[in-house]
Amino acid sequence: QFEPRTYLDTIREIRKRGLDWIGIVHSHPNTD
């Protein structure tokens, strides 16, 4: 679960840099 403050700061940073939010990524430590 995204930490809310960092998530919001990241969305602002993506916009500031003129980037597109393309997707999310997460890891599966023990599964496929």
PDB file of all heavy atoms in Angstrom:
ATOM      1  N   GLN A   1       0.874  -1.161   0.000  1.00  0.00           N
ATOM      2  CA  GLN A   1       0.000   0.000   0.000  1.00  0.00           C
ATOM      3  C   GLN A   1       0.915   1.216   0.000  1.00  0.00           C
ATOM      4  O   GLN A   1       1.810   1.325   0.836  1.00  0.00           O
ATOM      5  CB  GLN A   1      -0.882  -0.014   1.250  1.00  0.00           C
ATOM      6  CG  GLN A   1      -1.867   1.094   1.305  1.00  0.00           C
ATOM      7  CD  GLN A   1      -2.745   0.997   2.554  1.00  0.00           C
ATOM      8  OE1 GLN A   1      -3.415   1.956   2.851  1.00  0.00           O
ATOM      9  NE2 GLN A   1      -2.764  -0.097   3.282  1.00  0.00           N
ATOM     10  N   PHE A   2       0.715   2.110  -0.963  1.00  0.00           N
ATOM     11  CA  PHE A   2       1.552   3.304  -1.036  1.00  0.00           C
ATOM     12  C   PHE A   2       1.419   4.139   0.233  1.00  0.00           C
ATOM     13  O   PHE A   2       0.302   4.366   0.716  1.00  0.00           O
ATOM     14  CB  PHE A   2       1.141   4.192  -2.211  1.00  0.00           C
ATOM     15  CG  PHE A   2       1.496   3.650  -3.576  1.00  0.00           C
ATOM     16  CD1 PHE A   2       0.772   4.073  -4.680  1.00  0.00           C
ATOM     17  CD2 PHE A   2       2.530   2.762  -3.778  1.00  0.00           C
ATOM     18  CE1 PHE A   2       1.072   3.616  -5.956  1.00  0.00           C
ATOM     19  CE2 PHE A   2       2.844   2.290  -5.041  1.00  0.00           C
ATOM     20  CZ  PHE A   2       2.128   2.718  -6.130  1.00  0.00           C
ATOM     21  N   GLU A   3       2.545   4.632   0.720  1.00  0.00           N
ATOM     22  CA  GLU A   3       2.534   5.598   1.819  1.00  0.00           C
ATOM     23  C   GLU A   3       1.921   6.873   1.236  1.00  0.00           C
ATOM     24  O   GLU A   3       2.409   7.395   0.231  1.00  0.00           O
ATOM     25  CB  GLU A   3       3.963   5.815   2.334  1.00  0.00           C
ATOM     26  CG  GLU A   3       4.074   6.623   3.605  1.00  0.00           C
ATOM     27  CD  GLU A   3       3.919   8.116   3.376  1.00  0.00           C
ATOM     28  OE1 GLU A   3       4.502   8.628   2.399  1.00  0.00           O
ATOM     29  OE2 GLU A   3       3.223   8.761   4.169  1.00  0.00           O
ATOM     30  N   PRO A   4       0.819   7.385   1.806  1.00  0.00           N
ATOM     31  CA  PRO A   4       0.037   8.452   1.174  1.00  0.00           C
ATOM     32  C   PRO A   4       0.802   9.742   0.870  1.00  0.00           C
ATOM     33  O   PRO A   4       0.670  10.296  -0.222  1.00  0.00           O
ATOM     34  CB  PRO A   4      -1.100   8.713   2.163  1.00  0.00           C
ATOM     35  CG  PRO A   4      -1.213   7.475   2.963  1.00  0.00           C
ATOM     36  CD  PRO A   4       0.169   6.896   3.035  1.00  0.00           C
ATOM     37  N   ARG A   5       1.580  10.249   1.794  1.00  0.00           N
ATOM     38  CA  ARG A   5       2.273  11.524   1.560  1.00  0.00           C
ATOM     39  C   ARG A   5       3.279  11.403   0.413  1.00  0.00           C
ATOM     40  O   ARG A   5       3.343  12.241  -0.467  1.00  0.00           O
ATOM     41  CB  ARG A   5       2.957  12.022   2.823  1.00  0.00           C
ATOM     42  CG  ARG A   5       3.642  13.371   2.596  1.00  0.00           C
ATOM     43  CD  ARG A   5       4.042  14.063   3.862  1.00  0.00           C
ATOM     44  NE  ARG A   5       2.950  14.257   4.805  1.00  0.00           N
ATOM     45  CZ  ARG A   5       2.078  15.263   4.751  1.00  0.00           C
ATOM     46  NH1 ARG A   5       2.140  16.130   3.771  1.00  0.00           N
ATOM     47  NH2 ARG A   5       1.141  15.380   5.664  1.00  0.00           N
ATOM     48  N   THR A   6       4.057  10.311   0.424  1.00  0.00           N
ATOM     49  CA  THR A   6       5.041  10.102  -0.648  1.00  0.00           C
ATOM     50  C   THR A   6       4.331   9.918  -1.981  1.00  0.00           C
ATOM     51  O   THR A   6       4.792  10.418  -3.013  1.00  0.00           O
ATOM     52  CB  THR A   6       5.934   8.893  -0.334  1.00  0.00           C
ATOM     53  OG1 THR A   6       6.519   9.062   0.956  1.00  0.00           O
ATOM     54  CG2 THR A   6       7.041   8.749  -1.361  1.00  0.00           C
ATOM     55  N   TYR A   7       3.219   9.203  -1.976  1.00  0.00           N
ATOM     56  CA  TYR A   7       2.433   9.009  -3.199  1.00  0.00           C
ATOM     57  C   TYR A   7       2.008  10.362  -3.786  1.00  0.00           C
ATOM     58  O   TYR A   7       2.223  10.624  -4.977  1.00  0.00           O
ATOM     59  CB  TYR A   7       1.211   8.139  -2.891  1.00  0.00           C
ATOM     60  CG  TYR A   7       0.159   8.149  -3.964  1.00  0.00           C
ATOM     61  CD1 TYR A   7       0.342   7.473  -5.171  1.00  0.00           C
ATOM     62  CD2 TYR A   7      -1.033   8.856  -3.792  1.00  0.00           C
ATOM     63  CE1 TYR A   7      -0.625   7.489  -6.157  1.00  0.00           C
ATOM     64  CE2 TYR A   7      -2.009   8.870  -4.773  1.00  0.00           C
ATOM     65  CZ  TYR A   7      -1.801   8.192  -5.952  1.00  0.00           C
ATOM     66  OH  TYR A   7      -2.754   8.218  -6.931  1.00  0.00           O
ATOM     67  N   LEU A   8       1.437  11.230  -2.961  1.00  0.00           N
ATOM     68  CA  LEU A   8       0.995  12.545  -3.446  1.00  0.00           C
ATOM     69  C   LEU A   8       2.168  13.395  -3.912  1.00  0.00           C
ATOM     70  O   LEU A   8       2.090  14.069  -4.950  1.00  0.00           O
ATOM     71  CB  LEU A   8       0.198  13.270  -2.365  1.00  0.00           C
ATOM     72  CG  LEU A   8      -1.157  12.635  -2.028  1.00  0.00           C
ATOM     73  CD1 LEU A   8      -1.794  13.344  -0.843  1.00  0.00           C
ATOM     74  CD2 LEU A   8      -2.081  12.651  -3.229  1.00  0.00           C
ATOM     75  N   ASP A   9       3.275  13.366  -3.164  1.00  0.00           N
ATOM     76  CA  ASP A   9       4.479  14.109  -3.570  1.00  0.00           C
ATOM     77  C   ASP A   9       5.001  13.598  -4.908  1.00  0.00           C
ATOM     78  O   ASP A   9       5.468  14.381  -5.739  1.00  0.00           O
ATOM     79  CB  ASP A   9       5.571  13.999  -2.511  1.00  0.00           C
ATOM     80  CG  ASP A   9       5.243  14.773  -1.240  1.00  0.00           C
ATOM     81  OD1 ASP A   9       4.307  15.621  -1.257  1.00  0.00           O
ATOM     82  OD2 ASP A   9       5.915  14.524  -0.209  1.00  0.00           O
ATOM     83  N   THR A  10       4.932  12.284  -5.112  1.00  0.00           N
ATOM     84  CA  THR A  10       5.412  11.682  -6.363  1.00  0.00           C
ATOM     85  C   THR A  10       4.543  12.117  -7.542  1.00  0.00           C
ATOM     86  O   THR A  10       5.073  12.462  -8.609  1.00  0.00           O
ATOM     87  CB  THR A  10       5.439  10.145  -6.243  1.00  0.00           C
ATOM     88  OG1 THR A  10       6.335   9.783  -5.189  1.00  0.00           O
ATOM     89  CG2 THR A  10       5.880   9.495  -7.538  1.00  0.00           C
ATOM     90  N   ILE A  11       3.237  12.125  -7.368  1.00  0.00           N
ATOM     91  CA  ILE A  11       2.343  12.567  -8.444  1.00  0.00           C
ATOM     92  C   ILE A  11       2.656  14.022  -8.808  1.00  0.00           C
ATOM     93  O   ILE A  11       2.731  14.380  -9.992  1.00  0.00           O
ATOM     94  CB  ILE A  11       0.857  12.400  -8.046  1.00  0.00           C
ATOM     95  CG1 ILE A  11       0.522  10.922  -7.829  1.00  0.00           C
ATOM     96  CG2 ILE A  11      -0.068  13.036  -9.075  1.00  0.00           C
ATOM     97  CD1 ILE A  11       0.755  10.031  -9.025  1.00  0.00           C
ATOM     98  N   ARG A  12       2.878  14.856  -7.803  1.00  0.00           N
ATOM     99  CA  ARG A  12       3.246  16.262  -8.066  1.00  0.00           C
ATOM    100  C   ARG A  12       4.568  16.356  -8.823  1.00  0.00           C
ATOM    101  O   ARG A  12       4.709  17.154  -9.749  1.00  0.00           O
ATOM    102  CB  ARG A  12       3.343  17.039  -6.750  1.00  0.00           C
ATOM    103  CG  ARG A  12       2.017  17.382  -6.154  1.00  0.00           C
ATOM    104  CD  ARG A  12       2.175  18.307  -4.933  1.00  0.00           C
ATOM    105  NE  ARG A  12       0.997  18.201  -4.104  1.00  0.00           N
ATOM    106  CZ  ARG A  12       0.900  17.500  -2.982  1.00  0.00           C
ATOM    107  NH1 ARG A  12       1.939  16.851  -2.504  1.00  0.00           N
ATOM    108  NH2 ARG A  12      -0.234  17.447  -2.316  1.00  0.00           N
ATOM    109  N   GLU A  13       5.545  15.543  -8.427  1.00  0.00           N
ATOM    110  CA  GLU A  13       6.866  15.556  -9.077  1.00  0.00           C
ATOM    111  C   GLU A  13       6.761  15.100 -10.531  1.00  0.00           C
ATOM    112  O   GLU A  13       7.400  15.672 -11.416  1.00  0.00           O
ATOM    113  CB  GLU A  13       7.847  14.669  -8.302  1.00  0.00           C
ATOM    114  CG  GLU A  13       9.250  14.659  -8.852  1.00  0.00           C
ATOM    115  CD  GLU A  13       9.973  15.997  -8.765  1.00  0.00           C
ATOM    116  OE1 GLU A  13       9.583  16.865  -7.953  1.00  0.00           O
ATOM    117  OE2 GLU A  13      10.947  16.184  -9.539  1.00  0.00           O
ATOM    118  N   ILE A  14       5.950  14.089 -10.795  1.00  0.00           N
ATOM    119  CA  ILE A  14       5.758  13.614 -12.168  1.00  0.00           C
ATOM    120  C   ILE A  14       5.179  14.736 -13.027  1.00  0.00           C
ATOM    121  O   ILE A  14       5.656  14.997 -14.135  1.00  0.00           O
ATOM    122  CB  ILE A  14       4.849  12.360 -12.178  1.00  0.00           C
ATOM    123  CG1 ILE A  14       5.623  11.160 -11.613  1.00  0.00           C
ATOM    124  CG2 ILE A  14       4.315  12.058 -13.574  1.00  0.00           C
ATOM    125  CD1 ILE A  14       4.765   9.937 -11.336  1.00  0.00           C
ATOM    126  N   ARG A  15       4.179  15.433 -12.500  1.00  0.00           N
ATOM    127  CA  ARG A  15       3.569  16.555 -13.246  1.00  0.00           C
ATOM    128  C   ARG A  15       4.577  17.674 -13.461  1.00  0.00           C
ATOM    129  O   ARG A  15       4.652  18.251 -14.551  1.00  0.00           O
ATOM    130  CB  ARG A  15       2.350  17.076 -12.492  1.00  0.00           C
ATOM    131  CG  ARG A  15       1.174  16.135 -12.547  1.00  0.00           C
ATOM    132  CD  ARG A  15      -0.014  16.695 -11.811  1.00  0.00           C
ATOM    133  NE  ARG A  15      -1.106  15.734 -11.808  1.00  0.00           N
ATOM    134  CZ  ARG A  15      -1.977  15.606 -10.834  1.00  0.00           C
ATOM    135  NH1 ARG A  15      -1.907  16.391  -9.766  1.00  0.00           N
ATOM    136  NH2 ARG A  15      -2.925  14.711 -10.912  1.00  0.00           N
ATOM    137  N   LYS A  16       5.330  17.998 -12.413  1.00  0.00           N
ATOM    138  CA  LYS A  16       6.330  19.076 -12.485  1.00  0.00           C
ATOM    139  C   LYS A  16       7.364  18.800 -13.578  1.00  0.00           C
ATOM    140  O   LYS A  16       7.794  19.712 -14.277  1.00  0.00           O
ATOM    141  CB  LYS A  16       7.009  19.213 -11.121  1.00  0.00           C
ATOM    142  CG  LYS A  16       8.058  20.271 -11.031  1.00  0.00           C
ATOM    143  CD  LYS A  16       8.611  20.310  -9.610  1.00  0.00           C
ATOM    144  CE  LYS A  16       9.965  20.966  -9.577  1.00  0.00           C
ATOM    145  NZ  LYS A  16      10.578  20.854  -8.254  1.00  0.00           N
ATOM    146  N   ARG A  17       7.747  17.533 -13.716  1.00  0.00           N
ATOM    147  CA  ARG A  17       8.743  17.154 -14.729  1.00  0.00           C
ATOM    148  C   ARG A  17       8.143  16.985 -16.128  1.00  0.00           C
ATOM    149  O   ARG A  17       8.865  16.696 -17.080  1.00  0.00           O
ATOM    150  CB  ARG A  17       9.423  15.850 -14.334  1.00  0.00           C
ATOM    151  CG  ARG A  17      10.294  15.962 -13.101  1.00  0.00           C
ATOM    152  CD  ARG A  17      11.022  14.669 -12.881  1.00  0.00           C
ATOM    153  NE  ARG A  17      11.736  14.634 -11.633  1.00  0.00           N
ATOM    154  CZ  ARG A  17      12.681  13.751 -11.348  1.00  0.00           C
ATOM    155  NH1 ARG A  17      13.015  12.827 -12.241  1.00  0.00           N
ATOM    156  NH2 ARG A  17      13.280  13.771 -10.183  1.00  0.00           N
ATOM    157  N   GLY A  18       6.836  17.111 -16.241  1.00  0.00           N
ATOM    158  CA  GLY A  18       6.187  16.959 -17.545  1.00  0.00           C
ATOM    159  C   GLY A  18       6.137  15.518 -18.023  1.00  0.00           C
ATOM    160  O   GLY A  18       6.095  15.260 -19.223  1.00  0.00           O
ATOM    161  N   LEU A  19       6.101  14.578 -17.073  1.00  0.00           N
ATOM    162  CA  LEU A  19       6.060  13.165 -17.416  1.00  0.00           C
ATOM    163  C   LEU A  19       4.626  12.646 -17.358  1.00  0.00           C
ATOM    164  O   LEU A  19       3.752  13.278 -16.779  1.00  0.00           O
ATOM    165  CB  LEU A  19       6.923  12.363 -16.426  1.00  0.00           C
ATOM    166  CG  LEU A  19       8.406  12.707 -16.382  1.00  0.00           C
ATOM    167  CD1 LEU A  19       9.090  12.006 -15.216  1.00  0.00           C
ATOM    168  CD2 LEU A  19       9.077  12.343 -17.698  1.00  0.00           C
ATOM    169  N   ASP A  20       4.421  11.492 -17.946  1.00  0.00           N
ATOM    170  CA  ASP A  20       3.145  10.789 -17.866  1.00  0.00           C
ATOM    171  C   ASP A  20       3.260   9.686 -16.819  1.00  0.00           C
ATOM    172  O   ASP A  20       4.279   8.981 -16.767  1.00  0.00           O
ATOM    173  CB  ASP A  20       2.797  10.122 -19.208  1.00  0.00           C
ATOM    174  CG  ASP A  20       2.683  11.107 -20.349  1.00  0.00           C
ATOM    175  OD1 ASP A  20       2.153  12.209 -20.133  1.00  0.00           O
ATOM    176  OD2 ASP A  20       3.140  10.760 -21.465  1.00  0.00           O
ATOM    177  N   TRP A  21       2.219   9.517 -16.011  1.00  0.00           N
ATOM    178  CA  TRP A  21       2.166   8.383 -15.094  1.00  0.00           C
ATOM    179  C   TRP A  21       1.721   7.197 -15.937  1.00  0.00           C
ATOM    180  O   TRP A  21       0.582   7.111 -16.383  1.00  0.00           O
ATOM    181  CB  TRP A  21       1.185   8.672 -13.967  1.00  0.00           C
ATOM    182  CG  TRP A  21       0.968   7.538 -13.020  1.00  0.00           C
ATOM    183  CD1 TRP A  21       1.699   6.380 -12.931  1.00  0.00           C
ATOM    184  CD2 TRP A  21      -0.055   7.435 -12.040  1.00  0.00           C
ATOM    185  NE1 TRP A  21       1.194   5.586 -11.940  1.00  0.00           N
ATOM    186  CE2 TRP A  21       0.116   6.195 -11.375  1.00  0.00           C
ATOM    187  CE3 TRP A  21      -1.099   8.266 -11.651  1.00  0.00           C
ATOM    188  CZ2 TRP A  21      -0.720   5.783 -10.347  1.00  0.00           C
ATOM    189  CZ3 TRP A  21      -1.930   7.834 -10.624  1.00  0.00           C
ATOM    190  CH2 TRP A  21      -1.732   6.619  -9.983  1.00  0.00           C
ATOM    191  N   ILE A  22       2.633   6.255 -16.180  1.00  0.00           N
ATOM    192  CA  ILE A  22       2.365   5.134 -17.076  1.00  0.00           C
ATOM    193  C   ILE A  22       1.890   3.898 -16.318  1.00  0.00           C
ATOM    194  O   ILE A  22       1.056   3.143 -16.808  1.00  0.00           O
ATOM    195  CB  ILE A  22       3.607   4.817 -17.938  1.00  0.00           C
ATOM    196  CG1 ILE A  22       3.898   6.033 -18.845  1.00  0.00           C
ATOM    197  CG2 ILE A  22       3.396   3.555 -18.770  1.00  0.00           C
ATOM    198  CD1 ILE A  22       5.166   5.917 -19.662  1.00  0.00           C
ATOM    199  N   GLY A  23       2.413   3.684 -15.119  1.00  0.00           N
ATOM    200  CA  GLY A  23       2.002   2.498 -14.381  1.00  0.00           C
ATOM    201  C   GLY A  23       2.562   2.453 -12.982  1.00  0.00           C
ATOM    202  O   GLY A  23       3.211   3.398 -12.525  1.00  0.00           O
ATOM    203  N   ILE A  24       2.271   1.345 -12.325  1.00  0.00           N
ATOM    204  CA  ILE A  24       2.855   1.101 -11.007  1.00  0.00           C
ATOM    205  C   ILE A  24       3.615  -0.212 -11.077  1.00  0.00           C
ATOM    206  O   ILE A  24       3.408  -1.032 -11.977  1.00  0.00           O
ATOM    207  CB  ILE A  24       1.806   1.068  -9.873  1.00  0.00           C
ATOM    208  CG1 ILE A  24       0.853  -0.119  -9.995  1.00  0.00           C
ATOM    209  CG2 ILE A  24       1.010   2.348  -9.829  1.00  0.00           C
ATOM    210  CD1 ILE A  24       1.165  -1.202  -9.002  1.00  0.00           C
ATOM    211  N   VAL A  25       4.491  -0.392 -10.098  1.00  0.00           N
ATOM    212  CA  VAL A  25       5.245  -1.637 -10.004  1.00  0.00           C
ATOM    213  C   VAL A  25       5.306  -2.040  -8.541  1.00  0.00           C
ATOM    214  O   VAL A  25       5.314  -1.187  -7.654  1.00  0.00           O
ATOM    215  CB  VAL A  25       6.669  -1.490 -10.607  1.00  0.00           C
ATOM    216  CG1 VAL A  25       7.495  -0.473  -9.837  1.00  0.00           C
ATOM    217  CG2 VAL A  25       7.380  -2.831 -10.693  1.00  0.00           C
ATOM    218  N   HIS A  26       5.283  -3.326  -8.315  1.00  0.00           N
ATOM    219  CA  HIS A  26       5.561  -3.842  -6.978  1.00  0.00           C
ATOM    220  C   HIS A  26       6.241  -5.194  -7.124  1.00  0.00           C
ATOM    221  O   HIS A  26       6.237  -5.802  -8.192  1.00  0.00           O
ATOM    222  CB  HIS A  26       4.294  -3.920  -6.116  1.00  0.00           C
ATOM    223  CG  HIS A  26       3.380  -5.048  -6.417  1.00  0.00           C
ATOM    224  ND1 HIS A  26       2.535  -5.050  -7.499  1.00  0.00           N
ATOM    225  CD2 HIS A  26       3.161  -6.214  -5.768  1.00  0.00           C
ATOM    226  CE1 HIS A  26       1.826  -6.170  -7.498  1.00  0.00           C
ATOM    227  NE2 HIS A  26       2.198  -6.897  -6.456  1.00  0.00           N
ATOM    228  N   SER A  27       6.846  -5.634  -6.043  1.00  0.00           N
ATOM    229  CA  SER A  27       7.567  -6.899  -6.085  1.00  0.00           C
ATOM    230  C   SER A  27       6.750  -8.012  -5.438  1.00  0.00           C
ATOM    231  O   SER A  27       5.888  -7.763  -4.600  1.00  0.00           O
ATOM    232  CB  SER A  27       8.915  -6.763  -5.379  1.00  0.00           C
ATOM    233  OG  SER A  27       8.735  -6.437  -4.015  1.00  0.00           O
ATOM    234  N   HIS A  28       7.052  -9.216  -5.873  1.00  0.00           N
ATOM    235  CA  HIS A  28       6.572 -10.430  -5.232  1.00  0.00           C
ATOM    236  C   HIS A  28       7.829 -11.154  -4.747  1.00  0.00           C
ATOM    237  O   HIS A  28       8.524 -11.778  -5.543  1.00  0.00           O
ATOM    238  CB  HIS A  28       5.796 -11.318  -6.211  1.00  0.00           C
ATOM    239  CG  HIS A  28       4.392 -10.904  -6.443  1.00  0.00           C
ATOM    240  ND1 HIS A  28       3.520 -11.655  -7.202  1.00  0.00           N
ATOM    241  CD2 HIS A  28       3.678  -9.833  -6.016  1.00  0.00           C
ATOM    242  CE1 HIS A  28       2.331 -11.059  -7.234  1.00  0.00           C
ATOM    243  NE2 HIS A  28       2.410  -9.944  -6.530  1.00  0.00           N
ATOM    244  N   PRO A  29       8.151 -11.043  -3.463  1.00  0.00           N
ATOM    245  CA  PRO A  29       9.390 -11.637  -2.958  1.00  0.00           C
ATOM    246  C   PRO A  29       9.472 -13.152  -3.116  1.00  0.00           C
ATOM    247  O   PRO A  29      10.553 -13.687  -3.344  1.00  0.00           O
ATOM    248  CB  PRO A  29       9.397 -11.256  -1.477  1.00  0.00           C
ATOM    249  CG  PRO A  29       8.549 -10.037  -1.395  1.00  0.00           C
ATOM    250  CD  PRO A  29       7.490 -10.230  -2.436  1.00  0.00           C
ATOM    251  N   ASN A  30       8.343 -13.853  -3.011  1.00  0.00           N
ATOM    252  CA  ASN A  30       8.377 -15.313  -2.985  1.00  0.00           C
ATOM    253  C   ASN A  30       7.457 -15.990  -3.988  1.00  0.00           C
ATOM    254  O   ASN A  30       7.288 -17.202  -3.935  1.00  0.00           O
ATOM    255  CB  ASN A  30       8.003 -15.807  -1.582  1.00  0.00           C
ATOM    256  CG  ASN A  30       8.910 -15.212  -0.532  1.00  0.00           C
ATOM    257  OD1 ASN A  30      10.119 -15.326  -0.623  1.00  0.00           O
ATOM    258  ND2 ASN A  30       8.324 -14.539   0.439  1.00  0.00           N
ATOM    259  N   THR A  31       6.825 -15.213  -4.856  1.00  0.00           N
ATOM    260  CA  THR A  31       5.874 -15.803  -5.802  1.00  0.00           C
ATOM    261  C   THR A  31       6.162 -15.308  -7.223  1.00  0.00           C
ATOM    262  O   THR A  31       6.943 -14.378  -7.426  1.00  0.00           O
ATOM    263  CB  THR A  31       4.420 -15.463  -5.422  1.00  0.00           C
ATOM    264  OG1 THR A  31       4.254 -14.045  -5.405  1.00  0.00           O
ATOM    265  CG2 THR A  31       4.063 -16.040  -4.051  1.00  0.00           C
ATOM    266  N   ASP A  32       5.513 -15.934  -8.174  1.00  0.00           N
ATOM    267  CA  ASP A  32       5.698 -15.586  -9.579  1.00  0.00           C
ATOM    268  C   ASP A  32       5.148 -14.188  -9.882  1.00  0.00           C
ATOM    269  O   ASP A  32       4.320 -13.665  -9.132  1.00  0.00           O
ATOM    270  CB  ASP A  32       5.001 -16.621 -10.464  1.00  0.00           C
ATOM    271  CG  ASP A  32       5.679 -17.984 -10.390  1.00  0.00           C
ATOM    272  OD1 ASP A  32       6.917 -18.020 -10.283  1.00  0.00           O
ATOM    273  OD2 ASP A  32       4.970 -19.002 -10.431  1.00  0.00           O
TER     274      ASP A  32
END
